[in-house]
């Protein structure tokens, strides 16, 4: 199961719909609830406008909850133009994920090819 964390609801929807289009059973939520029969659980932290410290905590807490629900992969959806608290979000995901995988690394790819933004 994949855990998807986004800094706003639009990002959670935009990212998770791509999985749904390919047949993945997808659930989008403002907060983690009990989810049955999902391949993707998408949550929003609503932290884009927050400080990096606040975003780090919210993102780490969201991932910890997703990990407790059984996810084994994580996707952090950041703003494609790097607006907001991106460093804090990445730090939060790494802090939580490293409790399970101490050598984890992040690949950051802020692209949106349809808008001409590529990496």
N, C-alpha and C. Protein backbone atom coordinates (compact mmCIF):
# COMPACT_ATOMS: atom_id res chain seq x y z
N UNK A 1 0.85 -1.17 0.00
CA UNK A 1 0.00 0.00 0.00
C UNK A 1 0.90 1.23 0.00
N UNK A 2 0.48 2.24 -0.76
CA UNK A 2 1.23 3.48 -0.90
C UNK A 2 0.58 4.56 -0.05
N UNK A 3 1.40 5.28 0.70
CA UNK A 3 0.94 6.46 1.42
C UNK A 3 1.34 7.69 0.63
N UNK A 4 0.40 8.56 0.37
CA UNK A 4 0.65 9.79 -0.38
C UNK A 4 0.35 10.96 0.55
N UNK A 5 1.32 11.84 0.72
CA UNK A 5 1.16 13.01 1.58
C UNK A 5 1.30 14.24 0.71
N UNK A 6 0.35 15.17 0.85
CA UNK A 6 0.38 16.41 0.08
C UNK A 6 0.21 17.59 1.03
N UNK A 7 0.74 18.74 0.62
CA UNK A 7 0.67 19.93 1.46
C UNK A 7 -0.64 20.69 1.31
N UNK A 8 -1.50 20.27 0.40
CA UNK A 8 -2.84 20.83 0.29
C UNK A 8 -3.76 19.82 -0.37
N UNK A 9 -5.06 20.06 -0.24
CA UNK A 9 -6.05 19.11 -0.75
C UNK A 9 -5.99 18.98 -2.26
N UNK A 10 -5.75 20.07 -2.97
CA UNK A 10 -5.64 20.01 -4.42
C UNK A 10 -4.51 19.08 -4.84
N UNK A 11 -3.37 19.20 -4.18
CA UNK A 11 -2.23 18.33 -4.48
C UNK A 11 -2.54 16.88 -4.20
N UNK A 12 -3.24 16.61 -3.10
CA UNK A 12 -3.61 15.23 -2.78
C UNK A 12 -4.52 14.65 -3.86
N UNK A 13 -5.47 15.46 -4.31
CA UNK A 13 -6.37 15.01 -5.35
C UNK A 13 -5.69 14.84 -6.69
N UNK A 14 -4.88 15.84 -7.08
CA UNK A 14 -4.17 15.78 -8.36
C UNK A 14 -3.24 14.58 -8.45
N UNK A 15 -2.54 14.31 -7.36
CA UNK A 15 -1.59 13.19 -7.38
C UNK A 15 -2.31 11.85 -7.31
N UNK A 16 -3.30 11.74 -6.44
CA UNK A 16 -3.94 10.44 -6.26
C UNK A 16 -4.80 10.04 -7.46
N UNK A 17 -5.35 11.01 -8.19
CA UNK A 17 -6.17 10.67 -9.35
C UNK A 17 -5.33 9.97 -10.42
N UNK A 18 -4.04 10.27 -10.48
CA UNK A 18 -3.18 9.60 -11.45
C UNK A 18 -3.07 8.11 -11.16
N UNK A 19 -3.05 7.75 -9.89
CA UNK A 19 -3.04 6.33 -9.51
C UNK A 19 -4.40 5.70 -9.82
N UNK A 20 -5.48 6.41 -9.50
CA UNK A 20 -6.83 5.89 -9.76
C UNK A 20 -7.06 5.65 -11.25
N UNK A 21 -6.54 6.54 -12.10
CA UNK A 21 -6.69 6.36 -13.55
C UNK A 21 -6.04 5.07 -14.03
N UNK A 22 -5.08 4.58 -13.28
CA UNK A 22 -4.37 3.36 -13.66
C UNK A 22 -4.86 2.14 -12.90
N UNK A 23 -6.02 2.28 -12.26
CA UNK A 23 -6.66 1.14 -11.64
C UNK A 23 -6.35 0.92 -10.16
N UNK A 24 -5.58 1.80 -9.56
CA UNK A 24 -5.29 1.67 -8.13
C UNK A 24 -6.51 2.14 -7.35
N UNK A 25 -6.90 1.39 -6.35
CA UNK A 25 -8.00 1.82 -5.47
C UNK A 25 -7.44 2.91 -4.55
N UNK A 26 -8.01 4.10 -4.65
CA UNK A 26 -7.44 5.29 -4.02
C UNK A 26 -8.43 5.93 -3.06
N UNK A 27 -7.92 6.35 -1.91
CA UNK A 27 -8.72 7.01 -0.88
C UNK A 27 -8.03 8.31 -0.51
N UNK A 28 -8.76 9.43 -0.55
CA UNK A 28 -8.22 10.74 -0.19
C UNK A 28 -8.91 11.21 1.07
N UNK A 29 -8.11 11.72 2.02
CA UNK A 29 -8.67 12.13 3.31
C UNK A 29 -7.96 13.35 3.86
N UNK A 30 -8.69 14.15 4.64
CA UNK A 30 -8.06 15.26 5.36
C UNK A 30 -7.29 14.75 6.56
N UNK A 31 -7.70 13.64 7.09
CA UNK A 31 -7.04 13.02 8.23
C UNK A 31 -7.12 11.53 8.06
N UNK A 32 -6.24 10.83 8.67
CA UNK A 32 -6.21 9.39 8.50
C UNK A 32 -7.37 8.74 9.24
N UNK A 33 -8.11 7.93 8.54
CA UNK A 33 -9.20 7.17 9.12
C UNK A 33 -8.97 5.71 8.73
N UNK A 34 -9.79 4.84 9.24
CA UNK A 34 -9.66 3.44 8.85
C UNK A 34 -10.03 3.30 7.39
N UNK A 35 -9.15 2.69 6.63
CA UNK A 35 -9.35 2.52 5.20
C UNK A 35 -9.24 1.05 4.86
N UNK A 36 -10.24 0.54 4.20
CA UNK A 36 -10.22 -0.85 3.77
C UNK A 36 -10.12 -0.90 2.25
N UNK A 37 -9.41 -1.88 1.76
CA UNK A 37 -9.34 -2.13 0.31
C UNK A 37 -8.82 -0.94 -0.49
N UNK A 38 -7.77 -0.31 -0.03
CA UNK A 38 -7.17 0.79 -0.80
C UNK A 38 -5.74 0.42 -1.15
N UNK A 39 -5.33 0.82 -2.35
CA UNK A 39 -3.94 0.68 -2.76
C UNK A 39 -3.15 1.94 -2.44
N UNK A 40 -3.86 3.09 -2.44
CA UNK A 40 -3.25 4.38 -2.16
C UNK A 40 -4.10 5.09 -1.11
N UNK A 41 -3.45 5.55 -0.06
CA UNK A 41 -4.12 6.40 0.93
C UNK A 41 -3.45 7.77 0.83
N UNK A 42 -4.22 8.78 0.43
CA UNK A 42 -3.70 10.13 0.28
C UNK A 42 -4.23 11.01 1.41
N UNK A 43 -3.32 11.73 2.07
CA UNK A 43 -3.72 12.65 3.12
C UNK A 43 -3.11 14.02 2.83
N UNK A 44 -3.75 15.04 3.35
CA UNK A 44 -3.22 16.40 3.23
C UNK A 44 -2.84 16.91 4.60
N UNK A 45 -1.72 17.61 4.66
CA UNK A 45 -1.27 18.21 5.91
C UNK A 45 -1.66 19.68 5.99
N UNK A 46 -2.04 20.27 4.86
CA UNK A 46 -2.40 21.68 4.78
C UNK A 46 -1.30 22.56 5.37
N UNK A 47 -0.05 22.23 5.02
CA UNK A 47 1.09 22.91 5.65
C UNK A 47 1.89 23.80 4.70
N UNK A 48 1.43 24.01 3.50
CA UNK A 48 2.22 24.78 2.54
C UNK A 48 2.60 26.16 3.08
N UNK A 49 1.68 26.85 3.71
CA UNK A 49 1.93 28.21 4.17
C UNK A 49 2.57 28.27 5.57
N UNK A 50 2.83 27.13 6.16
CA UNK A 50 3.41 27.10 7.51
C UNK A 50 4.93 27.17 7.46
N UNK A 51 5.52 27.40 8.61
CA UNK A 51 6.97 27.41 8.72
C UNK A 51 7.52 26.02 8.43
N UNK A 52 8.80 25.94 8.12
CA UNK A 52 9.41 24.64 7.88
C UNK A 52 9.33 23.75 9.11
N UNK A 53 9.51 24.32 10.30
CA UNK A 53 9.43 23.51 11.53
C UNK A 53 8.04 22.91 11.71
N UNK A 54 7.01 23.73 11.51
CA UNK A 54 5.63 23.23 11.65
C UNK A 54 5.32 22.19 10.58
N UNK A 55 5.76 22.45 9.34
CA UNK A 55 5.52 21.51 8.25
C UNK A 55 6.24 20.19 8.51
N UNK A 56 7.44 20.26 9.04
CA UNK A 56 8.19 19.04 9.33
C UNK A 56 7.41 18.17 10.32
N UNK A 57 6.90 18.77 11.39
CA UNK A 57 6.17 18.00 12.39
C UNK A 57 4.88 17.41 11.82
N UNK A 58 4.11 18.22 11.12
CA UNK A 58 2.86 17.72 10.55
C UNK A 58 3.10 16.60 9.54
N UNK A 59 4.12 16.75 8.72
CA UNK A 59 4.42 15.74 7.71
C UNK A 59 4.92 14.46 8.35
N UNK A 60 5.79 14.58 9.35
CA UNK A 60 6.28 13.39 10.07
C UNK A 60 5.13 12.68 10.77
N UNK A 61 4.24 13.44 11.40
CA UNK A 61 3.09 12.84 12.07
C UNK A 61 2.18 12.12 11.08
N UNK A 62 1.95 12.73 9.92
CA UNK A 62 1.10 12.11 8.89
C UNK A 62 1.71 10.81 8.41
N UNK A 63 3.02 10.82 8.16
CA UNK A 63 3.66 9.60 7.68
C UNK A 63 3.68 8.53 8.77
N UNK A 64 3.89 8.91 10.00
CA UNK A 64 3.87 7.93 11.09
C UNK A 64 2.51 7.25 11.18
N UNK A 65 1.45 8.03 11.03
CA UNK A 65 0.09 7.46 11.05
C UNK A 65 -0.12 6.53 9.86
N UNK A 66 0.34 6.94 8.69
CA UNK A 66 0.22 6.09 7.50
C UNK A 66 1.00 4.79 7.68
N UNK A 67 2.18 4.89 8.26
CA UNK A 67 2.99 3.69 8.50
C UNK A 67 2.27 2.75 9.46
N UNK A 68 1.61 3.30 10.47
CA UNK A 68 0.85 2.47 11.41
C UNK A 68 -0.32 1.79 10.74
N UNK A 69 -0.82 2.38 9.65
CA UNK A 69 -1.95 1.77 8.94
C UNK A 69 -1.51 0.74 7.92
N UNK A 70 -0.18 0.57 7.76
CA UNK A 70 0.29 -0.52 6.92
C UNK A 70 0.93 -0.15 5.60
N UNK A 71 1.15 1.13 5.33
CA UNK A 71 1.78 1.46 4.05
C UNK A 71 3.21 0.94 4.02
N UNK A 72 3.69 0.65 2.82
CA UNK A 72 5.08 0.19 2.68
C UNK A 72 5.84 1.02 1.64
N UNK A 73 5.19 2.05 1.11
CA UNK A 73 5.82 3.00 0.19
C UNK A 73 5.24 4.38 0.47
N UNK A 74 6.03 5.40 0.17
CA UNK A 74 5.55 6.76 0.43
C UNK A 74 5.86 7.66 -0.76
N UNK A 75 4.93 8.56 -1.03
CA UNK A 75 5.06 9.56 -2.07
C UNK A 75 4.70 10.90 -1.44
N UNK A 76 5.63 11.83 -1.43
CA UNK A 76 5.36 13.18 -0.92
C UNK A 76 5.10 14.08 -2.11
N UNK A 77 3.91 14.61 -2.19
CA UNK A 77 3.53 15.51 -3.28
C UNK A 77 3.84 16.93 -2.82
N UNK A 78 4.82 17.56 -3.48
CA UNK A 78 5.16 18.95 -3.16
C UNK A 78 4.65 19.86 -4.26
N UNK A 79 4.65 21.15 -4.00
CA UNK A 79 4.25 22.12 -5.00
C UNK A 79 5.24 22.10 -6.16
N UNK A 80 4.75 22.07 -7.39
CA UNK A 80 5.62 21.95 -8.55
C UNK A 80 6.48 23.18 -8.78
N UNK A 81 6.12 24.30 -8.17
CA UNK A 81 6.93 25.51 -8.29
C UNK A 81 7.75 25.75 -7.02
N UNK A 82 7.79 24.77 -6.14
CA UNK A 82 8.57 24.82 -4.90
C UNK A 82 8.08 25.91 -3.94
N UNK A 83 6.81 26.26 -4.00
CA UNK A 83 6.27 27.23 -3.05
C UNK A 83 6.10 26.58 -1.69
N UNK A 84 6.23 27.38 -0.66
CA UNK A 84 5.90 26.92 0.68
C UNK A 84 7.04 26.23 1.40
N UNK A 85 6.66 25.35 2.27
CA UNK A 85 7.56 24.73 3.24
C UNK A 85 8.14 23.41 2.75
N UNK A 86 8.62 23.38 1.53
CA UNK A 86 9.14 22.14 0.94
C UNK A 86 10.27 21.54 1.78
N UNK A 87 11.27 22.31 2.23
CA UNK A 87 12.34 21.68 3.03
C UNK A 87 11.81 21.00 4.30
N UNK A 88 10.87 21.65 4.97
CA UNK A 88 10.29 21.06 6.17
C UNK A 88 9.53 19.78 5.88
N UNK A 89 8.79 19.76 4.77
CA UNK A 89 8.04 18.56 4.40
C UNK A 89 8.97 17.39 4.11
N UNK A 90 10.03 17.66 3.35
CA UNK A 90 10.99 16.60 3.03
C UNK A 90 11.67 16.11 4.30
N UNK A 91 12.07 17.03 5.17
CA UNK A 91 12.70 16.63 6.43
C UNK A 91 11.75 15.79 7.28
N UNK A 92 10.48 16.15 7.30
CA UNK A 92 9.49 15.39 8.07
C UNK A 92 9.30 13.98 7.56
N UNK A 93 9.21 13.84 6.24
CA UNK A 93 9.06 12.50 5.66
C UNK A 93 10.30 11.65 5.97
N UNK A 94 11.47 12.24 5.79
CA UNK A 94 12.70 11.48 6.05
C UNK A 94 12.81 11.09 7.52
N UNK A 95 12.45 11.99 8.42
CA UNK A 95 12.54 11.67 9.85
C UNK A 95 11.65 10.49 10.20
N UNK A 96 10.42 10.49 9.70
CA UNK A 96 9.51 9.38 10.01
C UNK A 96 9.91 8.10 9.30
N UNK A 97 10.26 8.20 8.01
CA UNK A 97 10.60 7.01 7.23
C UNK A 97 11.87 6.34 7.74
N UNK A 98 12.80 7.15 8.24
CA UNK A 98 14.07 6.61 8.75
C UNK A 98 13.89 5.85 10.06
N UNK A 99 12.74 5.95 10.69
CA UNK A 99 12.50 5.10 11.87
C UNK A 99 12.37 3.65 11.44
N UNK A 100 11.99 3.44 10.21
CA UNK A 100 11.87 2.08 9.65
C UNK A 100 13.05 1.75 8.74
N UNK A 101 13.49 2.73 7.96
CA UNK A 101 14.57 2.56 6.99
C UNK A 101 15.64 3.61 7.26
N UNK A 102 16.60 3.33 8.15
CA UNK A 102 17.57 4.34 8.59
C UNK A 102 18.39 4.98 7.48
N UNK A 103 18.60 4.30 6.38
CA UNK A 103 19.42 4.85 5.30
C UNK A 103 18.59 5.50 4.19
N UNK A 104 17.33 5.77 4.45
CA UNK A 104 16.43 6.32 3.42
C UNK A 104 16.94 7.65 2.89
N UNK A 105 16.69 7.88 1.62
CA UNK A 105 17.03 9.13 0.95
C UNK A 105 15.78 9.64 0.21
N UNK A 106 15.78 10.89 -0.13
CA UNK A 106 14.66 11.46 -0.87
C UNK A 106 15.11 11.85 -2.26
N UNK A 107 14.26 11.62 -3.24
CA UNK A 107 14.46 12.12 -4.59
C UNK A 107 13.41 13.21 -4.78
N UNK A 108 13.86 14.44 -4.99
CA UNK A 108 12.95 15.57 -5.14
C UNK A 108 12.90 15.95 -6.61
N UNK A 109 11.69 15.92 -7.17
CA UNK A 109 11.53 16.17 -8.59
C UNK A 109 10.34 17.10 -8.81
N UNK A 110 10.56 18.42 -8.72
CA UNK A 110 9.45 19.36 -8.86
C UNK A 110 9.10 19.66 -10.31
N UNK A 111 8.47 18.71 -10.97
CA UNK A 111 8.16 18.86 -12.39
C UNK A 111 6.66 18.87 -12.62
N UNK A 112 6.27 19.51 -13.72
CA UNK A 112 4.90 19.51 -14.19
C UNK A 112 4.98 19.63 -15.70
N UNK A 113 5.26 18.51 -16.39
CA UNK A 113 5.55 18.54 -17.83
C UNK A 113 4.48 19.24 -18.68
N UNK A 114 3.20 19.08 -18.36
CA UNK A 114 2.16 19.72 -19.17
C UNK A 114 2.23 21.24 -19.13
N UNK A 115 2.87 21.77 -18.08
CA UNK A 115 3.03 23.22 -17.97
C UNK A 115 4.43 23.66 -18.40
N UNK A 116 5.19 22.72 -18.99
CA UNK A 116 6.53 23.04 -19.46
C UNK A 116 7.58 23.00 -18.37
N UNK A 117 7.22 22.51 -17.18
CA UNK A 117 8.16 22.42 -16.06
C UNK A 117 8.72 21.01 -16.00
N UNK A 118 9.96 20.84 -16.41
CA UNK A 118 10.57 19.52 -16.40
C UNK A 118 11.89 19.57 -15.66
N UNK A 119 12.34 18.42 -15.24
CA UNK A 119 13.63 18.27 -14.57
C UNK A 119 14.50 17.37 -15.41
